[in-house]
N, C-alpha and C. Protein backbone atom coordinates (compact mmCIF):
# COMPACT_ATOMS: atom_id res chain seq x y z
N UNK A 1 284.57 -56.28 12.23
CA UNK A 1 283.55 -57.33 12.56
C UNK A 1 283.95 -58.66 11.60
N UNK A 2 283.88 -59.66 12.56
CA UNK A 2 284.01 -60.89 11.79
C UNK A 2 282.69 -61.37 11.31
N UNK A 3 282.76 -62.35 10.20
CA UNK A 3 281.42 -62.92 9.79
C UNK A 3 281.91 -64.08 9.31
N UNK A 4 281.07 -65.43 9.82
CA UNK A 4 281.52 -66.66 9.30
C UNK A 4 280.98 -67.02 7.90
N UNK A 5 281.66 -67.61 6.86
CA UNK A 5 281.24 -67.73 5.74
C UNK A 5 281.46 -69.33 5.48
N UNK A 6 280.70 -69.75 4.42
CA UNK A 6 280.67 -71.30 3.93
C UNK A 6 281.13 -71.02 2.49
N UNK A 7 281.62 -71.87 1.95
CA UNK A 7 282.13 -72.04 0.64
C UNK A 7 281.03 -72.24 -0.34
N UNK A 8 280.47 -71.44 -1.01
CA UNK A 8 279.25 -71.63 -1.70
C UNK A 8 279.48 -72.28 -3.10
N UNK A 9 280.65 -72.17 -3.44
CA UNK A 9 280.96 -72.72 -4.90
C UNK A 9 282.14 -72.18 -5.59
N UNK A 10 282.42 -72.73 -6.70
CA UNK A 10 283.75 -72.24 -7.52
C UNK A 10 282.91 -71.65 -8.98
N UNK A 11 283.55 -70.69 -9.30
CA UNK A 11 283.18 -70.20 -10.78
C UNK A 11 284.14 -69.93 -11.60
N UNK A 12 284.18 -69.70 -12.71
CA UNK A 12 285.29 -69.10 -13.46
C UNK A 12 284.88 -67.82 -14.01
N UNK A 13 285.85 -66.87 -13.79
CA UNK A 13 285.79 -65.40 -14.29
C UNK A 13 285.77 -65.52 -15.96
N UNK A 14 284.40 -65.30 -16.54
CA UNK A 14 284.39 -65.42 -18.12
C UNK A 14 285.50 -64.15 -18.85
N UNK A 15 286.09 -63.25 -18.17
CA UNK A 15 286.82 -62.38 -18.75
C UNK A 15 288.07 -63.02 -18.81
N UNK A 16 288.65 -63.72 -17.75
CA UNK A 16 289.96 -64.01 -17.74
C UNK A 16 290.20 -65.44 -17.42
N UNK A 17 289.25 -66.02 -17.43
CA UNK A 17 289.18 -67.57 -17.23
C UNK A 17 289.83 -67.87 -15.88
N UNK A 18 289.94 -67.17 -14.93
CA UNK A 18 290.33 -67.41 -13.87
C UNK A 18 289.23 -67.94 -12.80
N UNK A 19 289.59 -69.13 -11.95
CA UNK A 19 288.60 -69.56 -11.21
C UNK A 19 288.51 -68.31 -9.93
N UNK A 20 287.13 -68.56 -9.52
CA UNK A 20 286.75 -67.86 -8.32
C UNK A 20 286.25 -68.69 -7.28
N UNK A 21 286.61 -68.50 -5.84
CA UNK A 21 285.73 -69.12 -5.11
C UNK A 21 284.96 -68.20 -4.12
N UNK A 22 283.51 -68.66 -4.28
CA UNK A 22 282.78 -67.63 -3.87
C UNK A 22 282.27 -68.08 -2.18
N UNK A 23 282.66 -67.05 -1.17
CA UNK A 23 282.19 -67.15 0.13
C UNK A 23 280.82 -66.77 0.38
N UNK A 24 280.11 -67.31 0.97
CA UNK A 24 278.74 -66.65 1.44
C UNK A 24 278.84 -66.65 2.90
N UNK A 25 278.18 -65.45 3.40
CA UNK A 25 278.03 -65.05 5.05
C UNK A 25 277.00 -66.27 5.37
N UNK A 26 277.00 -66.90 6.37
CA UNK A 26 276.23 -67.62 7.11
C UNK A 26 274.68 -66.97 7.49
N UNK A 27 274.93 -65.55 7.77
CA UNK A 27 273.73 -64.94 8.41
C UNK A 27 273.06 -63.97 7.36
N UNK A 28 273.56 -64.13 6.14
CA UNK A 28 273.13 -62.97 5.16
C UNK A 28 273.26 -63.48 3.99
N UNK A 29 273.01 -62.85 2.83
CA UNK A 29 273.00 -63.08 1.59
C UNK A 29 274.39 -62.74 1.01
N UNK A 30 275.07 -61.88 2.09
CA UNK A 30 276.16 -61.42 1.28
C UNK A 30 277.44 -62.32 0.89
N UNK A 31 278.10 -62.08 0.00
CA UNK A 31 279.06 -62.94 -0.81
C UNK A 31 280.27 -62.44 -1.10
N UNK A 32 281.16 -62.98 -1.23
CA UNK A 32 282.55 -62.46 -0.97
C UNK A 32 283.38 -63.29 -2.13
N UNK A 33 283.72 -62.98 -3.50
CA UNK A 33 284.46 -63.56 -4.51
C UNK A 33 285.81 -63.50 -4.27
N UNK A 34 286.65 -64.52 -4.17
CA UNK A 34 288.19 -64.33 -4.38
C UNK A 34 288.94 -65.08 -5.50
N UNK A 35 289.50 -64.63 -6.28
CA UNK A 35 290.05 -65.09 -7.46
C UNK A 35 291.20 -65.89 -6.82
N UNK A 36 291.47 -67.38 -7.27
CA UNK A 36 292.60 -68.39 -6.78
C UNK A 36 293.10 -68.89 -8.16
N UNK A 37 294.16 -69.30 -7.87
CA UNK A 37 294.78 -70.22 -9.01
C UNK A 37 294.15 -71.45 -9.46
N UNK A 38 294.31 -72.28 -10.63
CA UNK A 38 293.84 -73.11 -10.81
C UNK A 38 294.09 -74.67 -10.11
N UNK A 39 295.52 -74.46 -9.54
CA UNK A 39 295.77 -75.83 -8.61
C UNK A 39 294.68 -75.60 -7.36
N UNK A 40 294.90 -74.69 -6.98
CA UNK A 40 294.02 -74.32 -5.76
C UNK A 40 292.77 -74.75 -5.70
N UNK A 41 291.98 -73.84 -7.09
CA UNK A 41 290.69 -74.28 -7.30
C UNK A 41 290.47 -75.94 -7.24
N UNK A 42 291.18 -76.44 -7.93
CA UNK A 42 291.07 -77.84 -8.28
C UNK A 42 291.29 -78.62 -6.80
N UNK A 43 292.05 -78.27 -5.65
CA UNK A 43 292.03 -78.76 -4.48
C UNK A 43 290.80 -78.59 -3.75
N UNK A 44 290.45 -77.33 -3.79
CA UNK A 44 288.95 -76.93 -3.31
C UNK A 44 287.92 -77.65 -3.80
N UNK A 45 287.58 -77.98 -5.09
CA UNK A 45 286.79 -78.75 -5.76
C UNK A 45 286.86 -80.06 -5.35
N UNK A 46 287.88 -80.82 -5.39
CA UNK A 46 288.07 -82.07 -4.92
C UNK A 46 287.48 -82.56 -3.60
N UNK A 47 287.92 -81.76 -2.81
CA UNK A 47 287.24 -81.73 -1.34
C UNK A 47 285.66 -81.55 -1.37
N UNK A 48 285.24 -80.30 -2.05
CA UNK A 48 283.84 -80.25 -1.96
C UNK A 48 283.08 -81.20 -2.48
N UNK A 49 283.60 -82.18 -3.61
CA UNK A 49 283.04 -83.22 -4.13
C UNK A 49 283.44 -84.44 -3.55
N UNK A 50 284.16 -84.55 -2.50
CA UNK A 50 284.57 -85.61 -1.96
C UNK A 50 285.14 -86.66 -2.48
N UNK A 51 285.96 -86.31 -3.50
CA UNK A 51 286.88 -86.99 -4.20
C UNK A 51 288.17 -87.40 -3.75
N UNK A 52 288.43 -88.69 -3.46
CA UNK A 52 290.03 -88.93 -2.56
C UNK A 52 290.79 -89.29 -3.50
N UNK A 53 291.88 -88.41 -3.38
CA UNK A 53 293.12 -88.86 -4.45
C UNK A 53 293.81 -90.10 -4.15
N UNK A 54 294.42 -90.71 -4.62
CA UNK A 54 295.01 -91.91 -4.46
C UNK A 54 296.12 -91.85 -3.58
N UNK A 55 297.04 -90.53 -3.91
CA UNK A 55 298.07 -90.30 -2.78
C UNK A 55 297.73 -88.93 -1.97
N UNK A 56 298.30 -88.64 -0.92
CA UNK A 56 298.03 -87.11 -0.46
C UNK A 56 298.25 -86.08 -1.10
N UNK A 57 297.59 -84.94 -1.57
CA UNK A 57 298.01 -83.89 -2.04
C UNK A 57 298.36 -82.99 -1.15
N UNK A 58 298.90 -81.64 -1.63
CA UNK A 58 299.65 -80.84 -0.65
C UNK A 58 298.75 -80.44 0.65
N UNK A 59 297.42 -80.01 0.33
CA UNK A 59 296.44 -79.70 1.62
C UNK A 59 296.26 -80.82 2.16
N UNK A 60 296.28 -82.28 1.67
CA UNK A 60 296.06 -83.02 2.74
C UNK A 60 297.46 -83.26 3.51
N UNK A 61 298.56 -83.02 2.92
CA UNK A 61 299.88 -83.49 3.51
C UNK A 61 299.78 -82.44 4.42
N UNK A 62 299.50 -81.27 4.39
CA UNK A 62 299.54 -80.18 5.27
C UNK A 62 298.62 -80.59 6.69
N UNK A 63 297.33 -80.85 6.47
CA UNK A 63 296.49 -81.53 7.50
C UNK A 63 297.16 -82.70 8.10
N UNK A 64 297.79 -83.57 7.49
CA UNK A 64 298.41 -84.70 8.16
C UNK A 64 299.32 -84.39 8.87
N UNK A 65 300.16 -83.79 8.54
CA UNK A 65 301.36 -82.96 9.38
C UNK A 65 300.95 -82.47 10.28
N UNK A 66 299.96 -81.57 10.45
CA UNK A 66 299.43 -80.91 11.50
C UNK A 66 299.05 -81.68 12.76
N UNK A 67 298.34 -82.87 12.31
CA UNK A 67 297.55 -83.74 13.19
C UNK A 67 298.78 -84.71 13.68
N UNK A 68 299.63 -84.99 13.02
CA UNK A 68 300.83 -85.75 13.44
C UNK A 68 301.69 -84.91 14.41
N UNK A 69 301.90 -83.82 14.38
CA UNK A 69 302.64 -82.87 15.14
C UNK A 69 301.63 -82.43 16.58
N UNK A 70 300.42 -82.94 16.59
CA UNK A 70 299.92 -82.80 18.05
C UNK A 70 298.86 -81.54 17.70
N UNK A 71 298.66 -80.98 16.60
CA UNK A 71 297.72 -79.96 16.46
C UNK A 71 296.75 -79.92 16.01
N UNK A 72 295.67 -78.82 16.14
CA UNK A 72 294.53 -79.09 15.47
C UNK A 72 294.25 -77.75 14.67
N UNK A 73 293.65 -77.69 13.45
CA UNK A 73 293.42 -76.27 12.66
C UNK A 73 291.77 -75.72 13.53
N UNK A 74 292.12 -74.72 14.42
CA UNK A 74 290.62 -74.42 14.87
C UNK A 74 289.95 -73.42 13.90
N UNK A 75 290.51 -72.56 12.99
CA UNK A 75 289.89 -71.70 12.10
C UNK A 75 290.58 -71.36 11.28
N UNK A 76 290.27 -70.77 10.34
CA UNK A 76 291.11 -69.92 9.13
C UNK A 76 290.14 -68.68 9.13
N UNK A 77 290.67 -67.44 8.76
CA UNK A 77 290.24 -66.07 8.56
C UNK A 77 291.00 -65.55 7.37
N UNK A 78 290.08 -65.03 6.71
CA UNK A 78 290.47 -64.09 5.53
C UNK A 78 290.54 -62.52 6.21
N UNK A 79 291.70 -62.17 6.33
CA UNK A 79 291.96 -61.04 7.34
C UNK A 79 291.81 -59.80 6.64
N UNK A 80 292.44 -59.58 5.26
CA UNK A 80 292.36 -58.09 4.51
C UNK A 80 292.37 -58.40 3.07
N UNK A 81 292.19 -57.18 2.38
CA UNK A 81 292.43 -56.99 1.22
C UNK A 81 293.31 -55.80 1.04
N UNK A 82 294.73 -55.87 0.21
CA UNK A 82 295.49 -55.21 0.36
C UNK A 82 296.30 -54.91 -1.24
N UNK A 83 295.87 -53.99 -1.89
CA UNK A 83 296.75 -53.93 -3.08
C UNK A 83 296.00 -54.83 -3.93
N UNK A 84 294.84 -55.00 -3.97
CA UNK A 84 294.16 -56.20 -4.60
C UNK A 84 294.44 -57.55 -4.43
N UNK A 85 295.01 -57.82 -3.34
CA UNK A 85 295.35 -59.17 -2.87
C UNK A 85 294.53 -59.58 -1.39
N UNK A 86 294.05 -60.69 -1.28
CA UNK A 86 293.50 -61.01 0.02
C UNK A 86 294.86 -61.79 0.54
N UNK A 87 294.46 -61.86 1.96
CA UNK A 87 295.46 -62.31 2.84
C UNK A 87 294.65 -63.06 3.89
N UNK A 88 295.07 -64.43 4.47
CA UNK A 88 294.52 -65.04 5.43
C UNK A 88 295.25 -65.49 6.38
N UNK A 89 294.70 -66.16 7.72
CA UNK A 89 295.59 -66.62 8.52
C UNK A 89 294.87 -67.97 9.09
N UNK A 90 295.92 -69.07 9.23
CA UNK A 90 295.30 -70.21 9.78
C UNK A 90 295.65 -70.25 11.33
N UNK A 91 294.76 -70.60 12.05
CA UNK A 91 294.73 -70.74 13.52
C UNK A 91 294.91 -72.04 13.99
N UNK A 92 296.02 -72.58 14.41
CA UNK A 92 296.49 -73.91 14.63
C UNK A 92 296.58 -74.03 16.25
N UNK A 93 296.04 -74.82 16.85
CA UNK A 93 296.44 -75.12 18.42
C UNK A 93 297.02 -76.14 18.57
N UNK A 94 298.17 -75.95 19.35
CA UNK A 94 299.38 -77.13 19.53
C UNK A 94 299.13 -76.99 20.98
N UNK A 95 298.72 -78.00 21.90
CA UNK A 95 298.75 -78.23 23.17
C UNK A 95 297.84 -76.95 23.67
N UNK A 96 298.66 -75.87 24.63
CA UNK A 96 297.81 -74.83 25.04
C UNK A 96 298.15 -73.52 24.40
N UNK A 97 298.81 -73.77 23.09
CA UNK A 97 299.21 -72.70 22.42
C UNK A 97 298.60 -72.56 21.27
N UNK A 98 298.18 -71.12 20.66
CA UNK A 98 297.81 -71.01 19.33
C UNK A 98 298.77 -70.44 18.57
N UNK A 99 298.78 -71.03 17.43
CA UNK A 99 299.78 -70.60 16.34
C UNK A 99 298.99 -69.91 15.18
N UNK A 100 299.59 -68.68 14.77
CA UNK A 100 298.81 -68.17 13.56
C UNK A 100 299.89 -68.14 12.18
N UNK A 101 299.48 -68.77 11.35
CA UNK A 101 300.19 -69.07 10.14
C UNK A 101 299.81 -68.20 9.00
N UNK A 102 300.52 -67.33 8.34
CA UNK A 102 299.98 -66.49 7.33
C UNK A 102 299.80 -67.43 6.27
N UNK A 103 298.95 -67.06 5.24
CA UNK A 103 298.37 -68.13 4.27
C UNK A 103 297.89 -67.39 3.12
N UNK A 104 297.85 -67.85 1.86
CA UNK A 104 296.84 -67.45 0.97
C UNK A 104 295.43 -67.67 1.24
N UNK A 105 294.65 -67.18 1.11
CA UNK A 105 293.19 -67.68 1.36
C UNK A 105 292.76 -68.70 0.69
N UNK A 106 293.17 -69.23 -0.59
CA UNK A 106 292.57 -70.52 -1.42
C UNK A 106 293.69 -71.53 -0.55
N UNK A 107 294.62 -71.50 -0.12
CA UNK A 107 295.36 -72.43 0.89
C UNK A 107 294.31 -72.88 1.93
N UNK A 108 294.40 -71.74 2.67
CA UNK A 108 293.59 -71.93 4.03
C UNK A 108 292.25 -72.26 3.79
N UNK A 109 291.52 -72.00 3.07
CA UNK A 109 290.09 -72.48 2.40
C UNK A 109 290.05 -74.01 2.20
N UNK A 110 291.31 -74.20 1.25
CA UNK A 110 291.27 -75.81 1.10
C UNK A 110 291.46 -76.44 2.33
N UNK A 111 292.55 -76.18 3.04
CA UNK A 111 292.87 -76.95 4.25
C UNK A 111 291.50 -76.77 5.25
N UNK A 112 290.85 -75.79 5.43
CA UNK A 112 289.53 -75.55 6.12
C UNK A 112 288.43 -76.79 5.85
N UNK A 113 288.55 -77.08 4.52
CA UNK A 113 287.40 -77.99 4.14
C UNK A 113 287.83 -79.24 4.36
N UNK A 114 289.03 -79.63 4.51
CA UNK A 114 289.66 -80.81 4.94
C UNK A 114 289.61 -81.10 6.43
N UNK A 115 289.69 -80.01 7.32
CA UNK A 115 289.73 -80.28 8.77
C UNK A 115 288.13 -79.84 8.90
N UNK A 116 287.57 -79.56 8.37
CA UNK A 116 285.97 -79.02 8.58
C UNK A 116 286.03 -77.92 9.85
N UNK A 117 286.81 -77.03 9.50
CA UNK A 117 286.62 -75.89 10.68
C UNK A 117 286.08 -74.79 9.96
N UNK A 118 285.78 -73.70 10.96
CA UNK A 118 284.87 -72.72 10.49
C UNK A 118 286.05 -71.78 9.61
N UNK A 119 285.25 -70.93 8.62
CA UNK A 119 285.82 -69.84 7.87
C UNK A 119 285.29 -68.69 8.19
N UNK A 120 286.11 -67.45 8.46
CA UNK A 120 285.72 -66.10 8.84
C UNK A 120 286.20 -65.35 7.80
């Protein structure tokens, strides 16, 4: 069963000092923490805070490339947890075709924030 989530915020794991992105179910109080790398956390944080970089960063570049090629990101989905690792898919529509791209959840979330698409 899919559930739409929103980024609730970024935290730091006090034990490991690793960043955590906190996803909240839009219809309940359920939350999903996903540990992410520091660069991805920074990319997510800058988009949450609407800080515009002087030059496009990696997730901005990806958004721009998808748009320039005539595509649109329709949604991202955190698909599974396997061996303590989360997996995600980015759903991109190009004309009448939907392309699914394997991604790390942190990258998918950073992109979703930039294109304002739903996260599941």
